């Protein structure tokens, strides 16, 4: 499996995420979804701090997923594994951004 670096933008902040070619498209879709949620929150005008906006967006998305689980019999263990993987990738992207 080949590794690549995916460059994404979330509410104007640039991140580089290392991922496999297989994950690239899904991560791009996830980043776009998160960016849209964050921009909606920013447009509400109640929160201006970018880190807080991202956190609230992530919380709302998590809530959506948990509600979906109740309807579809969602596999929580798989969800947890995917969240851990995505968290590692975000942590790597933040580290790379701070070093770069």
Protein backbone atom coordinates (compact mmCIF):
# COMPACT_ATOMS: atom_id res chain seq x y z
CA UNK A 1 0.00 0.00 0.00
CA UNK A 2 1.39 3.41 -0.95
CA UNK A 3 1.44 6.29 1.49
CA UNK A 4 0.70 9.82 0.46
CA UNK A 5 0.32 13.21 2.09
CA UNK A 6 -3.13 14.75 1.92
CA UNK A 7 -3.34 18.53 2.25
CA UNK A 8 -6.62 19.75 3.71
CA UNK A 9 -8.04 23.03 4.88
CA UNK A 10 -10.37 23.41 7.85
CA UNK A 11 -11.78 26.93 8.31
CA UNK A 12 -8.74 28.40 6.64
CA UNK A 13 -6.12 26.39 8.55
CA UNK A 14 -3.96 24.10 6.45
CA UNK A 15 -3.04 20.59 7.55
CA UNK A 16 -1.05 17.78 5.97
CA UNK A 17 -2.13 14.26 6.85
CA UNK A 18 -0.18 11.12 6.06
CA UNK A 19 -2.48 8.39 4.79
CA UNK A 20 -2.63 5.44 2.45
CA UNK A 21 -3.89 5.93 -1.09
CA UNK A 22 -6.97 3.93 -0.08
CA UNK A 23 -7.81 6.33 2.77
CA UNK A 24 -7.13 9.53 0.85
CA UNK A 25 -10.54 10.02 -0.75
CA UNK A 26 -12.44 9.18 2.44
CA UNK A 27 -10.29 11.54 4.49
CA UNK A 28 -10.82 14.32 1.94
CA UNK A 29 -14.59 13.80 2.20
CA UNK A 30 -14.36 13.82 6.00
CA UNK A 31 -12.30 17.03 5.94
CA UNK A 32 -14.79 18.71 3.63
CA UNK A 33 -17.67 17.66 5.87
CA UNK A 34 -15.86 18.95 8.98
CA UNK A 35 -14.96 22.20 7.22
CA UNK A 36 -18.59 22.76 6.22
CA UNK A 37 -19.80 22.12 9.77
CA UNK A 38 -17.12 24.45 11.17
CA UNK A 39 -18.04 27.20 8.69
CA UNK A 40 -21.71 26.87 9.67
CA UNK A 41 -20.76 27.34 13.33
CA UNK A 42 -18.51 30.28 12.47
CA UNK A 43 -21.34 31.87 10.46
CA UNK A 44 -23.61 31.70 13.53
CA UNK A 45 -21.24 34.29 15.04
CA UNK A 46 -21.45 33.04 18.62
CA UNK A 47 -17.98 31.45 18.66
CA UNK A 48 -14.94 33.07 17.05
CA UNK A 49 -12.00 31.00 18.31
CA UNK A 50 -10.98 28.52 15.57
CA UNK A 51 -10.07 25.75 18.03
CA UNK A 52 -13.45 26.03 19.77
CA UNK A 53 -15.25 26.08 16.43
CA UNK A 54 -13.45 22.86 15.40
CA UNK A 55 -14.26 21.23 18.73
CA UNK A 56 -17.96 22.12 18.53
CA UNK A 57 -18.08 20.89 14.91
CA UNK A 58 -16.47 17.59 15.94
CA UNK A 59 -18.93 17.25 18.82
CA UNK A 60 -21.91 17.84 16.50
CA UNK A 61 -20.58 15.30 13.98
CA UNK A 62 -20.04 12.75 16.75
CA UNK A 63 -23.59 13.34 17.91
CA UNK A 64 -24.86 12.73 14.37
CA UNK A 65 -22.93 9.46 14.22
CA UNK A 66 -24.23 8.29 17.59
CA UNK A 67 -27.81 9.07 16.56
CA UNK A 68 -27.21 7.14 13.34
CA UNK A 69 -25.95 4.18 15.37
CA UNK A 70 -29.26 3.97 17.20
CA UNK A 71 -31.12 3.78 13.89
CA UNK A 72 -28.82 1.45 11.93
CA UNK A 73 -27.25 -0.87 14.50
CA UNK A 74 -23.93 0.94 14.12
CA UNK A 75 -20.78 -1.03 15.10
CA UNK A 76 -19.37 0.96 18.04
CA UNK A 77 -16.08 -0.98 18.23
CA UNK A 78 -15.32 -0.21 14.57
CA UNK A 79 -16.28 3.42 15.18
CA UNK A 80 -13.86 3.64 18.11
CA UNK A 81 -11.03 2.12 16.04
CA UNK A 82 -11.64 4.61 13.23
CA UNK A 83 -11.73 7.56 15.67
CA UNK A 84 -8.41 6.46 17.19
CA UNK A 85 -6.87 6.19 13.71
CA UNK A 86 -8.19 9.60 12.67
CA UNK A 87 -7.03 11.16 15.96
CA UNK A 88 -3.51 9.86 15.35
CA UNK A 89 -3.54 11.33 11.84
CA UNK A 90 -4.77 14.71 13.10
CA UNK A 91 -2.13 14.70 15.84
CA UNK A 92 0.54 13.95 13.21
CA UNK A 93 -0.77 16.74 10.99
CA UNK A 94 -0.69 19.24 13.85
CA UNK A 95 2.84 18.14 14.77
CA UNK A 96 4.00 18.44 11.14
CA UNK A 97 2.36 21.89 10.88
CA UNK A 98 4.04 23.13 14.05
CA UNK A 99 7.43 21.80 12.94
CA UNK A 100 7.07 23.18 9.41
